Amino acid sequence: MYQSYTENLKAIYKEVFSLRNGQPTIIRAIDLYNPVINEHRKRYMEIECTHCQEIFNTAILNAADEFSIPLVSVYDAFNGPDHNEDPREKGYIGNDGIHTSEIGQQIIADLLSETGYEPIRQ
């Protein structure tokens, strides 16, 4: 499942490194949060949707791992280590109910900053 997504990401990473032609490159990957977990819960779809989200994020991780690209787990930060917390309740999601708020954006920026700025050489 999501194998084609992993392959597409790997092709993108390969192209980025090809264009960089061996030059040091700073690149980071992030996985995706679930902003509507409470909606899934209300519809008795939480287990299935969480499983699908975890598979999708594993695809992102697998592609990043192949190129030694550090991955920041926004999913863990926003939805908690068990992936059952609603980021809207934490104030991480904006008024549209889907996209990050300023607080959420700062969380992501801080997580990315924590990975450092060591370039990757291919």
PDB file of N, CA and C in Angstrom:
ATOM      1  N   MET A   1       0.843  -1.184   0.000  1.00  0.00           N
ATOM      2  CA  MET A   1       0.000   0.000   0.000  1.00  0.00           C
ATOM      3  C   MET A   1       0.888   1.248   0.000  1.00  0.00           C
ATOM      4  N   TYR A   2       0.527   2.216  -0.765  1.00  0.00           N
ATOM      5  CA  TYR A   2       1.259   3.483  -0.902  1.00  0.00           C
ATOM      6  C   TYR A   2       2.643   3.295  -1.512  1.00  0.00           C
ATOM      7  N   GLN A   3       2.907   2.142  -2.093  1.00  0.00           N
ATOM      8  CA  GLN A   3       4.213   1.905  -2.708  1.00  0.00           C
ATOM      9  C   GLN A   3       4.496   2.912  -3.813  1.00  0.00           C
ATOM     10  N   SER A   4       3.482   3.244  -4.598  1.00  0.00           N
ATOM     11  CA  SER A   4       3.704   4.204  -5.676  1.00  0.00           C
ATOM     12  C   SER A   4       4.035   5.587  -5.113  1.00  0.00           C
ATOM     13  N   TYR A   5       3.459   5.935  -3.976  1.00  0.00           N
ATOM     14  CA  TYR A   5       3.784   7.211  -3.341  1.00  0.00           C
ATOM     15  C   TYR A   5       5.243   7.211  -2.895  1.00  0.00           C
ATOM     16  N   THR A   6       5.686   6.117  -2.290  1.00  0.00           N
ATOM     17  CA  THR A   6       7.081   5.996  -1.877  1.00  0.00           C
ATOM     18  C   THR A   6       7.992   6.120  -3.090  1.00  0.00           C
ATOM     19  N   GLU A   7       7.648   5.448  -4.164  1.00  0.00           N
ATOM     20  CA  GLU A   7       8.464   5.505  -5.377  1.00  0.00           C
ATOM     21  C   GLU A   7       8.504   6.917  -5.956  1.00  0.00           C
ATOM     22  N   ASN A   8       7.376   7.611  -5.928  1.00  0.00           N
ATOM     23  CA  ASN A   8       7.354   8.992  -6.415  1.00  0.00           C
ATOM     24  C   ASN A   8       8.243   9.891  -5.569  1.00  0.00           C
ATOM     25  N   LEU A   9       8.176   9.748  -4.260  1.00  0.00           N
ATOM     26  CA  LEU A   9       9.034  10.545  -3.381  1.00  0.00           C
ATOM     27  C   LEU A   9      10.504  10.242  -3.629  1.00  0.00           C
ATOM     28  N   LYS A  10      10.828   8.968  -3.789  1.00  0.00           N
ATOM     29  CA  LYS A  10      12.217   8.606  -4.064  1.00  0.00           C
ATOM     30  C   LYS A  10      12.686   9.207  -5.381  1.00  0.00           C
ATOM     31  N   ALA A  11      11.819   9.227  -6.376  1.00  0.00           N
ATOM     32  CA  ALA A  11      12.181   9.834  -7.662  1.00  0.00           C
ATOM     33  C   ALA A  11      12.427  11.335  -7.504  1.00  0.00           C
ATOM     34  N   ILE A  12      11.634  11.981  -6.672  1.00  0.00           N
ATOM     35  CA  ILE A  12      11.828  13.410  -6.413  1.00  0.00           C
ATOM     36  C   ILE A  12      13.156  13.641  -5.709  1.00  0.00           C
ATOM     37  N   TYR A  13      13.437  12.869  -4.685  1.00  0.00           N
ATOM     38  CA  TYR A  13      14.713  13.015  -3.976  1.00  0.00           C
ATOM     39  C   TYR A  13      15.891  12.762  -4.909  1.00  0.00           C
ATOM     40  N   LYS A  14      15.766  11.733  -5.729  1.00  0.00           N
ATOM     41  CA  LYS A  14      16.840  11.416  -6.680  1.00  0.00           C
ATOM     42  C   LYS A  14      17.093  12.593  -7.622  1.00  0.00           C
ATOM     43  N   GLU A  15      16.021  13.196  -8.092  1.00  0.00           N
ATOM     44  CA  GLU A  15      16.153  14.342  -8.997  1.00  0.00           C
ATOM     45  C   GLU A  15      16.781  15.541  -8.285  1.00  0.00           C
ATOM     46  N   VAL A  16      16.377  15.797  -7.053  1.00  0.00           N
ATOM     47  CA  VAL A  16      16.967  16.903  -6.294  1.00  0.00           C
ATOM     48  C   VAL A  16      18.470  16.700  -6.165  1.00  0.00           C
ATOM     49  N   PHE A  17      18.876  15.517  -5.771  1.00  0.00           N
ATOM     50  CA  PHE A  17      20.309  15.256  -5.603  1.00  0.00           C
ATOM     51  C   PHE A  17      21.044  15.273  -6.942  1.00  0.00           C
ATOM     52  N   SER A  18      20.372  14.837  -7.990  1.00  0.00           N
ATOM     53  CA  SER A  18      20.983  14.911  -9.314  1.00  0.00           C
ATOM     54  C   SER A  18      21.222  16.368  -9.712  1.00  0.00           C
ATOM     55  N   LEU A  19      20.242  17.196  -9.500  1.00  0.00           N
ATOM     56  CA  LEU A  19      20.377  18.618  -9.835  1.00  0.00           C
ATOM     57  C   LEU A  19      21.457  19.294  -8.992  1.00  0.00           C
ATOM     58  N   ARG A  20      21.626  18.822  -7.785  1.00  0.00           N
ATOM     59  CA  ARG A  20      22.650  19.387  -6.892  1.00  0.00           C
ATOM     60  C   ARG A  20      24.041  18.888  -7.274  1.00  0.00           C
ATOM     61  N   ASN A  21      24.117  17.823  -8.044  1.00  0.00           N
ATOM     62  CA  ASN A  21      25.373  17.332  -8.614  1.00  0.00           C
ATOM     63  C   ASN A  21      26.484  17.171  -7.578  1.00  0.00           C
ATOM     64  N   GLY A  22      26.153  16.510  -6.454  1.00  0.00           N
ATOM     65  CA  GLY A  22      27.164  16.231  -5.439  1.00  0.00           C
ATOM     66  C   GLY A  22      27.424  17.355  -4.458  1.00  0.00           C
ATOM     67  N   GLN A  23      26.799  18.492  -4.671  1.00  0.00           N
ATOM     68  CA  GLN A  23      26.978  19.616  -3.751  1.00  0.00           C
ATOM     69  C   GLN A  23      26.210  19.339  -2.453  1.00  0.00           C
ATOM     70  N   PRO A  24      26.708  19.858  -1.332  1.00  0.00           N
ATOM     71  CA  PRO A  24      25.974  19.676  -0.074  1.00  0.00           C
ATOM     72  C   PRO A  24      24.544  20.215  -0.205  1.00  0.00           C
ATOM     73  N   THR A  25      23.603  19.454   0.314  1.00  0.00           N
ATOM     74  CA  THR A  25      22.191  19.802   0.186  1.00  0.00           C
ATOM     75  C   THR A  25      21.501  19.628   1.532  1.00  0.00           C
ATOM     76  N   ILE A  26      20.812  20.658   1.959  1.00  0.00           N
ATOM     77  CA  ILE A  26      20.032  20.556   3.186  1.00  0.00           C
ATOM     78  C   ILE A  26      18.598  20.258   2.778  1.00  0.00           C
ATOM     79  N   ILE A  27      18.128  19.102   3.199  1.00  0.00           N
ATOM     80  CA  ILE A  27      16.768  18.685   2.877  1.00  0.00           C
ATOM     81  C   ILE A  27      16.236  17.910   4.079  1.00  0.00           C
ATOM     82  N   ARG A  28      14.981  18.144   4.393  1.00  0.00           N
ATOM     83  CA  ARG A  28      14.324  17.462   5.498  1.00  0.00           C
ATOM     84  C   ARG A  28      12.959  16.978   5.020  1.00  0.00           C
ATOM     85  N   ALA A  29      12.469  15.918   5.611  1.00  0.00           N
ATOM     86  CA  ALA A  29      11.144  15.396   5.295  1.00  0.00           C
ATOM     87  C   ALA A  29      10.260  15.520   6.532  1.00  0.00           C
ATOM     88  N   ILE A  30       8.984  15.693   6.289  1.00  0.00           N
ATOM     89  CA  ILE A  30       8.016  15.661   7.383  1.00  0.00           C
ATOM     90  C   ILE A  30       6.905  14.703   7.008  1.00  0.00           C
ATOM     91  N   ASP A  31       6.347  14.059   8.014  1.00  0.00           N
ATOM     92  CA  ASP A  31       5.168  13.253   7.765  1.00  0.00           C
ATOM     93  C   ASP A  31       3.942  14.136   7.991  1.00  0.00           C
ATOM     94  N   LEU A  32       2.770  13.562   7.895  1.00  0.00           N
ATOM     95  CA  LEU A  32       1.541  14.352   7.920  1.00  0.00           C
ATOM     96  C   LEU A  32       0.699  14.063   9.151  1.00  0.00           C
ATOM     97  N   TYR A  33       0.143  15.115   9.697  1.00  0.00           N
ATOM     98  CA  TYR A  33      -0.743  15.023  10.856  1.00  0.00           C
ATOM     99  C   TYR A  33      -2.168  14.727  10.401  1.00  0.00           C
ATOM    100  N   ASN A  34      -2.992  14.316  11.332  1.00  0.00           N
ATOM    101  CA  ASN A  34      -4.415  14.098  11.070  1.00  0.00           C
ATOM    102  C   ASN A  34      -5.205  15.169  11.828  1.00  0.00           C
ATOM    103  N   PRO A  35      -5.721  16.179  11.106  1.00  0.00           N
ATOM    104  CA  PRO A  35      -6.432  17.251  11.782  1.00  0.00           C
ATOM    105  C   PRO A  35      -7.873  16.898  12.152  1.00  0.00           C
ATOM    106  N   VAL A  36      -8.384  15.795  11.657  1.00  0.00           N
ATOM    107  CA  VAL A  36      -9.803  15.482  11.845  1.00  0.00           C
ATOM    108  C   VAL A  36     -10.030  14.167  12.586  1.00  0.00           C
ATOM    109  N   ILE A  37      -9.145  13.842  13.483  1.00  0.00           N
ATOM    110  CA  ILE A  37      -9.290  12.559  14.183  1.00  0.00           C
ATOM    111  C   ILE A  37     -10.592  12.476  14.972  1.00  0.00           C
ATOM    112  N   ASN A  38     -11.031  13.586  15.557  1.00  0.00           N
ATOM    113  CA  ASN A  38     -12.303  13.541  16.292  1.00  0.00           C
ATOM    114  C   ASN A  38     -13.481  13.294  15.358  1.00  0.00           C
ATOM    115  N   GLU A  39     -13.384  13.777  14.129  1.00  0.00           N
ATOM    116  CA  GLU A  39     -14.436  13.485  13.141  1.00  0.00           C
ATOM    117  C   GLU A  39     -14.435  11.997  12.809  1.00  0.00           C
ATOM    118  N   HIS A  40     -13.262  11.420  12.656  1.00  0.00           N
ATOM    119  CA  HIS A  40     -13.174   9.974  12.415  1.00  0.00           C
ATOM    120  C   HIS A  40     -13.751   9.203  13.599  1.00  0.00           C
ATOM    121  N   ARG A  41     -13.441   9.671  14.788  1.00  0.00           N
ATOM    122  CA  ARG A  41     -13.931   9.016  16.012  1.00  0.00           C
ATOM    123  C   ARG A  41     -15.453   9.059  16.055  1.00  0.00           C
ATOM    124  N   LYS A  42     -16.039  10.210  15.755  1.00  0.00           N
ATOM    125  CA  LYS A  42     -17.506  10.364  15.785  1.00  0.00           C
ATOM    126  C   LYS A  42     -18.187   9.428  14.793  1.00  0.00           C
ATOM    127  N   ARG A  43     -17.494   9.125  13.699  1.00  0.00           N
ATOM    128  CA  ARG A  43     -18.069   8.278  12.654  1.00  0.00           C
ATOM    129  C   ARG A  43     -17.630   6.812  12.786  1.00  0.00           C
ATOM    130  N   TYR A  44     -17.000   6.500  13.912  1.00  0.00           N
ATOM    131  CA  TYR A  44     -16.531   5.139  14.185  1.00  0.00           C
ATOM    132  C   TYR A  44     -15.558   4.640  13.116  1.00  0.00           C
ATOM    133  N   MET A  45     -14.722   5.559  12.629  1.00  0.00           N
ATOM    134  CA  MET A  45     -13.741   5.222  11.603  1.00  0.00           C
ATOM    135  C   MET A  45     -12.316   5.449  12.089  1.00  0.00           C
ATOM    136  N   GLU A  46     -12.149   5.727  13.366  1.00  0.00           N
ATOM    137  CA  GLU A  46     -10.836   6.110  13.876  1.00  0.00           C
ATOM    138  C   GLU A  46      -9.780   5.033  13.645  1.00  0.00           C
ATOM    139  N   ILE A  47     -10.079   3.800  13.952  1.00  0.00           N
ATOM    140  CA  ILE A  47      -9.085   2.732  13.837  1.00  0.00           C
ATOM    141  C   ILE A  47      -8.636   2.587  12.390  1.00  0.00           C
ATOM    142  N   GLU A  48      -9.583   2.538  11.473  1.00  0.00           N
ATOM    143  CA  GLU A  48      -9.256   2.363  10.060  1.00  0.00           C
ATOM    144  C   GLU A  48      -8.482   3.560   9.514  1.00  0.00           C
ATOM    145  N   CYS A  49      -8.938   4.761   9.840  1.00  0.00           N
ATOM    146  CA  CYS A  49      -8.279   5.967   9.317  1.00  0.00           C
ATOM    147  C   CYS A  49      -6.890   6.150   9.930  1.00  0.00           C
ATOM    148  N   THR A  50      -6.742   5.827  11.204  1.00  0.00           N
ATOM    149  CA  THR A  50      -5.425   5.914  11.837  1.00  0.00           C
ATOM    150  C   THR A  50      -4.472   4.909  11.202  1.00  0.00           C
ATOM    151  N   HIS A  51      -4.948   3.717  10.950  1.00  0.00           N
ATOM    152  CA  HIS A  51      -4.118   2.701  10.298  1.00  0.00           C
ATOM    153  C   HIS A  51      -3.659   3.193   8.919  1.00  0.00           C
ATOM    154  N   CYS A  52      -4.570   3.761   8.166  1.00  0.00           N
ATOM    155  CA  CYS A  52      -4.237   4.275   6.833  1.00  0.00           C
ATOM    156  C   CYS A  52      -3.223   5.415   6.943  1.00  0.00           C
ATOM    157  N   GLN A  53      -3.420   6.318   7.886  1.00  0.00           N
ATOM    158  CA  GLN A  53      -2.486   7.435   8.092  1.00  0.00           C
ATOM    159  C   GLN A  53      -1.092   6.923   8.451  1.00  0.00           C
ATOM    160  N   GLU A  54      -1.033   5.909   9.291  1.00  0.00           N
ATOM    161  CA  GLU A  54       0.263   5.351   9.690  1.00  0.00           C
ATOM    162  C   GLU A  54       0.973   4.685   8.509  1.00  0.00           C
ATOM    163  N   ILE A  55       0.233   4.011   7.665  1.00  0.00           N
ATOM    164  CA  ILE A  55       0.829   3.407   6.470  1.00  0.00           C
ATOM    165  C   ILE A  55       1.353   4.499   5.540  1.00  0.00           C
ATOM    166  N   PHE A  56       0.575   5.539   5.343  1.00  0.00           N
ATOM    167  CA  PHE A  56       0.976   6.655   4.498  1.00  0.00           C
ATOM    168  C   PHE A  56       2.256   7.299   5.034  1.00  0.00           C
ATOM    169  N   ASN A  57       2.308   7.537   6.339  1.00  0.00           N
ATOM    170  CA  ASN A  57       3.495   8.146   6.927  1.00  0.00           C
ATOM    171  C   ASN A  57       4.700   7.211   6.885  1.00  0.00           C
ATOM    172  N   THR A  58       4.472   5.924   6.938  1.00  0.00           N
ATOM    173  CA  THR A  58       5.560   4.969   6.777  1.00  0.00           C
ATOM    174  C   THR A  58       6.143   5.053   5.365  1.00  0.00           C
ATOM    175  N   ALA A  59       5.288   5.290   4.380  1.00  0.00           N
ATOM    176  CA  ALA A  59       5.773   5.468   3.005  1.00  0.00           C
ATOM    177  C   ALA A  59       6.705   6.675   2.923  1.00  0.00           C
ATOM    178  N   ILE A  60       6.337   7.754   3.598  1.00  0.00           N
ATOM    179  CA  ILE A  60       7.172   8.958   3.630  1.00  0.00           C
ATOM    180  C   ILE A  60       8.507   8.646   4.310  1.00  0.00           C
ATOM    181  N   LEU A  61       8.446   7.953   5.430  1.00  0.00           N
ATOM    182  CA  LEU A  61       9.654   7.574   6.159  1.00  0.00           C
ATOM    183  C   LEU A  61      10.565   6.686   5.316  1.00  0.00           C
ATOM    184  N   ASN A  62       9.994   5.706   4.644  1.00  0.00           N
ATOM    185  CA  ASN A  62      10.802   4.782   3.844  1.00  0.00           C
ATOM    186  C   ASN A  62      11.551   5.507   2.729  1.00  0.00           C
ATOM    187  N   ALA A  63      10.884   6.443   2.070  1.00  0.00           N
ATOM    188  CA  ALA A  63      11.554   7.197   1.004  1.00  0.00           C
ATOM    189  C   ALA A  63      12.674   8.053   1.575  1.00  0.00           C
ATOM    190  N   ALA A  64      12.424   8.713   2.691  1.00  0.00           N
ATOM    191  CA  ALA A  64      13.451   9.559   3.313  1.00  0.00           C
ATOM    192  C   ALA A  64      14.637   8.713   3.773  1.00  0.00           C
ATOM    193  N   ASP A  65      14.352   7.560   4.368  1.00  0.00           N
ATOM    194  CA  ASP A  65      15.423   6.681   4.862  1.00  0.00           C
ATOM    195  C   ASP A  65      16.374   6.256   3.750  1.00  0.00           C
ATOM    196  N   GLU A  66      15.824   5.977   2.585  1.00  0.00           N
ATOM    197  CA  GLU A  66      16.664   5.504   1.482  1.00  0.00           C
ATOM    198  C   GLU A  66      17.729   6.533   1.092  1.00  0.00           C
ATOM    199  N   PHE A  67      17.438   7.811   1.324  1.00  0.00           N
ATOM    200  CA  PHE A  67      18.381   8.870   0.963  1.00  0.00           C
ATOM    201  C   PHE A  67      19.022   9.524   2.193  1.00  0.00           C
ATOM    202  N   SER A  68      18.846   8.890   3.354  1.00  0.00           N
ATOM    203  CA  SER A  68      19.384   9.408   4.623  1.00  0.00           C
ATOM    204  C   SER A  68      18.912  10.824   4.922  1.00  0.00           C
ATOM    205  N   ILE A  69      17.672  11.092   4.578  1.00  0.00           N
ATOM    206  CA  ILE A  69      17.064  12.392   4.834  1.00  0.00           C
ATOM    207  C   ILE A  69      16.393  12.345   6.204  1.00  0.00           C
ATOM    208  N   PRO A  70      16.763  13.250   7.098  1.00  0.00           N
ATOM    209  CA  PRO A  70      16.101  13.277   8.403  1.00  0.00           C
ATOM    210  C   PRO A  70      14.607  13.547   8.253  1.00  0.00           C
ATOM    211  N   LEU A  71      13.828  12.831   9.036  1.00  0.00           N
ATOM    212  CA  LEU A  71      12.379  12.995   9.014  1.00  0.00           C
ATOM    213  C   LEU A  71      11.914  13.544  10.349  1.00  0.00           C
ATOM    214  N   VAL A  72      11.064  14.540  10.287  1.00  0.00           N
ATOM    215  CA  VAL A  72      10.425  15.105  11.476  1.00  0.00           C
ATOM    216  C   VAL A  72       9.011  14.548  11.533  1.00  0.00           C
ATOM    217  N   SER A  73       8.651  13.974  12.671  1.00  0.00           N
ATOM    218  CA  SER A  73       7.303  13.419  12.791  1.00  0.00           C
ATOM    219  C   SER A  73       6.344  14.467  13.339  1.00  0.00           C
ATOM    220  N   VAL A  74       5.729  15.179  12.412  1.00  0.00           N
ATOM    221  CA  VAL A  74       4.678  16.127  12.770  1.00  0.00           C
ATOM    222  C   VAL A  74       3.467  15.343  13.283  1.00  0.00           C
ATOM    223  N   TYR A  75       3.279  14.163  12.754  1.00  0.00           N
ATOM    224  CA  TYR A  75       2.177  13.291  13.193  1.00  0.00           C
ATOM    225  C   TYR A  75       2.279  13.011  14.694  1.00  0.00           C
ATOM    226  N   ASP A  76       3.462  12.641  15.155  1.00  0.00           N
ATOM    227  CA  ASP A  76       3.648  12.394  16.591  1.00  0.00           C
ATOM    228  C   ASP A  76       3.431  13.666  17.404  1.00  0.00           C
ATOM    229  N   ALA A  77       3.963  14.776  16.920  1.00  0.00           N
ATOM    230  CA  ALA A  77       3.845  16.040  17.653  1.00  0.00           C
ATOM    231  C   ALA A  77       2.401  16.521  17.715  1.00  0.00           C
ATOM    232  N   PHE A  78       1.690  16.392  16.627  1.00  0.00           N
ATOM    233  CA  PHE A  78       0.322  16.911  16.587  1.00  0.00           C
ATOM    234  C   PHE A  78      -0.695  15.924  17.150  1.00  0.00           C
ATOM    235  N   ASN A  79      -0.551  14.641  16.831  1.00  0.00           N
ATOM    236  CA  ASN A  79      -1.536  13.653  17.239  1.00  0.00           C
ATOM    237  C   ASN A  79      -1.103  12.800  18.422  1.00  0.00           C
ATOM    238  N   GLY A  80       0.066  13.097  18.991  1.00  0.00           N
ATOM    239  CA  GLY A  80       0.549  12.359  20.148  1.00  0.00           C
ATOM    240  C   GLY A  80       1.201  11.052  19.768  1.00  0.00           C
ATOM    241  N   PRO A  81       1.938  10.460  20.689  1.00  0.00           N
ATOM    242  CA  PRO A  81       2.690   9.240  20.382  1.00  0.00           C
ATOM    243  C   PRO A  81       1.805   8.048  20.006  1.00  0.00           C
ATOM    244  N   ASP A  82       0.566   8.046  20.477  1.00  0.00           N
ATOM    245  CA  ASP A  82      -0.360   6.968  20.123  1.00  0.00           C
ATOM    246  C   ASP A  82      -1.275   7.362  18.959  1.00  0.00           C
ATOM    247  N   HIS A  83      -1.059   8.560  18.432  1.00  0.00           N
ATOM    248  CA  HIS A  83      -1.797   9.082  17.277  1.00  0.00           C
ATOM    249  C   HIS A  83      -3.300   9.155  17.506  1.00  0.00           C
ATOM    250  N   ASN A  84      -3.691   9.435  18.743  1.00  0.00           N
ATOM    251  CA  ASN A  84      -5.115   9.506  19.070  1.00  0.00           C
ATOM    252  C   ASN A  84      -5.535  10.865  19.641  1.00  0.00           C
ATOM    253  N   GLU A  85      -4.660  11.866  19.549  1.00  0.00           N
ATOM    254  CA  GLU A  85      -4.972  13.191  20.072  1.00  0.00           C
ATOM    255  C   GLU A  85      -5.389  14.112  18.938  1.00  0.00           C
ATOM    256  N   ASP A  86      -6.334  15.010  19.228  1.00  0.00           N
ATOM    257  CA  ASP A  86      -6.815  15.943  18.220  1.00  0.00           C
ATOM    258  C   ASP A  86      -5.997  17.225  18.281  1.00  0.00           C
ATOM    259  N   PRO A  87      -5.244  17.550  17.209  1.00  0.00           N
ATOM    260  CA  PRO A  87      -4.427  18.755  17.225  1.00  0.00           C
ATOM    261  C   PRO A  87      -5.241  20.041  17.270  1.00  0.00           C
ATOM    262  N   ARG A  88      -6.516  19.974  16.902  1.00  0.00           N
ATOM    263  CA  ARG A  88      -7.370  21.165  17.001  1.00  0.00           C
ATOM    264  C   ARG A  88      -7.540  21.563  18.455  1.00  0.00           C
ATOM    265  N   GLU A  89      -7.642  20.572  19.334  1.00  0.00           N
ATOM    266  CA  GLU A  89      -7.802  20.854  20.758  1.00  0.00           C
ATOM    267  C   GLU A  89      -6.548  21.477  21.362  1.00  0.00           C
ATOM    268  N   LYS A  90      -5.404  21.273  20.719  1.00  0.00           N
ATOM    269  CA  LYS A  90      -4.135  21.836  21.190  1.00  0.00           C
ATOM    270  C   LYS A  90      -3.885  23.235  20.626  1.00  0.00           C
ATOM    271  N   GLY A  91      -4.737  23.663  19.703  1.00  0.00           N
ATOM    272  CA  GLY A  91      -4.553  24.957  19.063  1.00  0.00           C
ATOM    273  C   GLY A  91      -3.603  24.923  17.886  1.00  0.00           C
ATOM    274  N   TYR A  92      -3.273  23.735  17.401  1.00  0.00           N
ATOM    275  CA  TYR A  92      -2.312  23.591  16.302  1.00  0.00           C
ATOM    276  C   TYR A  92      -2.941  23.767  14.919  1.00  0.00           C
ATOM    277  N   ILE A  93      -4.276  23.781  14.872  1.00  0.00           N
ATOM    278  CA  ILE A  93      -4.996  23.853  13.604  1.00  0.00           C
ATOM    279  C   ILE A  93      -5.763  25.173  13.533  1.00  0.00           C
ATOM    280  N   GLY A  94      -5.739  25.778  12.351  1.00  0.00           N
ATOM    281  CA  GLY A  94      -6.379  27.076  12.150  1.00  0.00           C
ATOM    282  C   GLY A  94      -7.884  26.990  12.014  1.00  0.00           C
ATOM    283  N   ASN A  95      -8.476  28.124  11.709  1.00  0.00           N
ATOM    284  CA  ASN A  95      -9.928  28.258  11.647  1.00  0.00           C
ATOM    285  C   ASN A  95     -10.594  27.387  10.597  1.00  0.00           C
ATOM    286  N   ASP A  96      -9.861  26.996   9.570  1.00  0.00           N
ATOM    287  CA  ASP A  96     -10.479  26.158   8.540  1.00  0.00           C
ATOM    288  C   ASP A  96     -10.610  24.699   8.975  1.00  0.00           C
ATOM    289  N   GLY A  97     -10.018  24.358  10.123  1.00  0.00           N
ATOM    290  CA  GLY A  97     -10.139  23.003  10.658  1.00  0.00           C
ATOM    291  C   GLY A  97      -9.193  21.987  10.047  1.00  0.00           C
ATOM    292  N   ILE A  98      -8.358  22.402   9.102  1.00  0.00           N
ATOM    293  CA  ILE A  98      -7.469  21.479   8.407  1.00  0.00           C
ATOM    294  C   ILE A  98      -6.008  21.921   8.487  1.00  0.00           C
ATOM    295  N   HIS A  99      -5.752  23.157   8.135  1.00  0.00           N
ATOM    296  CA  HIS A  99      -4.379  23.660   8.026  1.00  0.00           C
ATOM    297  C   HIS A  99      -3.873  24.196   9.360  1.00  0.00           C
ATOM    298  N   THR A 100      -2.561  24.280   9.476  1.00  0.00           N
ATOM    299  CA  THR A 100      -1.951  24.682  10.735  1.00  0.00           C
ATOM    300  C   THR A 100      -2.235  26.135  11.094  1.00  0.00           C
ATOM    301  N   SER A 101      -2.319  26.363  12.394  1.00  0.00           N
ATOM    302  CA  SER A 101      -2.411  27.711  12.944  1.00  0.00           C
ATOM    303  C   SER A 101      -0.993  28.253  13.094  1.00  0.00           C
ATOM    304  N   GLU A 102      -0.869  29.472  13.554  1.00  0.00           N
ATOM    305  CA  GLU A 102       0.471  30.009  13.822  1.00  0.00           C
ATOM    306  C   GLU A 102       1.196  29.163  14.859  1.00  0.00           C
ATOM    307  N   ILE A 103       0.476  28.675  15.851  1.00  0.00           N
ATOM    308  CA  ILE A 103       1.086  27.803  16.869  1.00  0.00           C
ATOM    309  C   ILE A 103       1.582  26.517  16.218  1.00  0.00           C
ATOM    310  N   GLY A 104       0.740  25.913  15.383  1.00  0.00           N
ATOM    311  CA  GLY A 104       1.132  24.689  14.684  1.00  0.00           C
ATOM    312  C   GLY A 104       2.323  24.907  13.773  1.00  0.00           C
ATOM    313  N   GLN A 105       2.337  26.033  13.088  1.00  0.00           N
ATOM    314  CA  GLN A 105       3.468  26.352  12.210  1.00  0.00           C
ATOM    315  C   GLN A 105       4.753  26.506  13.019  1.00  0.00           C
ATOM    316  N   GLN A 106       4.641  27.105  14.199  1.00  0.00           N
ATOM    317  CA  GLN A 106       5.824  27.268  15.045  1.00  0.00           C
ATOM    318  C   GLN A 106       6.321  25.921  15.550  1.00  0.00           C
ATOM    319  N   ILE A 107       5.400  25.020  15.878  1.00  0.00           N
ATOM    320  CA  ILE A 107       5.782  23.666  16.310  1.00  0.00           C
ATOM    321  C   ILE A 107       6.586  22.986  15.197  1.00  0.00           C
ATOM    322  N   ILE A 108       6.090  23.060  13.966  1.00  0.00           N
ATOM    323  CA  ILE A 108       6.791  22.429  12.843  1.00  0.00           C
ATOM    324  C   ILE A 108       8.154  23.082  12.632  1.00  0.00           C
ATOM    325  N   ALA A 109       8.204  24.398  12.673  1.00  0.00           N
ATOM    326  CA  ALA A 109       9.481  25.106  12.496  1.00  0.00           C
ATOM    327  C   ALA A 109      10.478  24.695  13.578  1.00  0.00           C
ATOM    328  N   ASP A 110      10.024  24.592  14.812  1.00  0.00           N
ATOM    329  CA  ASP A 110      10.915  24.190  15.905  1.00  0.00           C
ATOM    330  C   ASP A 110      11.426  22.768  15.700  1.00  0.00           C
ATOM    331  N   LEU A 111      10.538  21.869  15.284  1.00  0.00           N
ATOM    332  CA  LEU A 111      10.947  20.484  15.043  1.00  0.00           C
ATOM    333  C   LEU A 111      11.986  20.407  13.922  1.00  0.00           C
ATOM    334  N   LEU A 112      11.747  21.147  12.849  1.00  0.00           N
ATOM    335  CA  LEU A 112      12.713  21.161  11.750  1.00  0.00           C
ATOM    336  C   LEU A 112      14.039  21.747  12.207  1.00  0.00           C
ATOM    337  N   SER A 113      13.991  22.787  13.009  1.00  0.00           N
ATOM    338  CA  SER A 113      15.216  23.401  13.509  1.00  0.00           C
ATOM    339  C   SER A 113      16.016  22.432  14.377  1.00  0.00           C
ATOM    340  N   GLU A 114      15.315  21.611  15.133  1.00  0.00           N
ATOM    341  CA  GLU A 114      15.981  20.635  16.007  1.00  0.00           C
ATOM    342  C   GLU A 114      16.781  19.601  15.216  1.00  0.00           C
ATOM    343  N   THR A 115      16.428  19.383  13.944  1.00  0.00           N
ATOM    344  CA  THR A 115      17.180  18.405  13.147  1.00  0.00           C
ATOM    345  C   THR A 115      18.544  18.949  12.739  1.00  0.00           C
ATOM    346  N   GLY A 116      18.730  20.265  12.904  1.00  0.00           N
ATOM    347  CA  GLY A 116      20.000  20.875  12.552  1.00  0.00           C
ATOM    348  C   GLY A 116      20.082  21.179  11.074  1.00  0.00           C
ATOM    349  N   TYR A 117      21.243  21.657  10.677  1.00  0.00           N
ATOM    350  CA  TYR A 117      21.413  22.110   9.307  1.00  0.00           C
ATOM    351  C   TYR A 117      22.586  21.421   8.619  1.00  0.00           C
ATOM    352  N   GLU A 118      22.901  20.234   9.071  1.00  0.00           N
ATOM    353  CA  GLU A 118      23.966  19.459   8.456  1.00  0.00           C
ATOM    354  C   GLU A 118      23.528  19.028   7.060  1.00  0.00           C
ATOM    355  N   PRO A 119      24.319  19.374   6.048  1.00  0.00           N
ATOM    356  CA  PRO A 119      23.924  18.998   4.687  1.00  0.00           C
ATOM    357  C   PRO A 119      24.089  17.500   4.452  1.00  0.00           C
ATOM    358  N   ILE A 120      23.372  17.024   3.475  1.00  0.00           N
ATOM    359  CA  ILE A 120      23.457  15.634   3.037  1.00  0.00           C
ATOM    360  C   ILE A 120      24.280  15.622   1.763  1.00  0.00           C
ATOM    361  N   ARG A 121      25.165  14.682   1.655  1.00  0.00           N
ATOM    362  CA  ARG A 121      25.955  14.524   0.432  1.00  0.00           C
ATOM    363  C   ARG A 121      25.613  13.175  -0.171  1.00  0.00           C
ATOM    364  N   GLN A 122      25.315  13.183  -1.429  1.00  0.00           N
ATOM    365  CA  GLN A 122      24.968  11.937  -2.135  1.00  0.00           C
ATOM    366  C   GLN A 122      26.080  11.566  -3.067  1.00  0.00           C
TER     367      GLN A 122
END
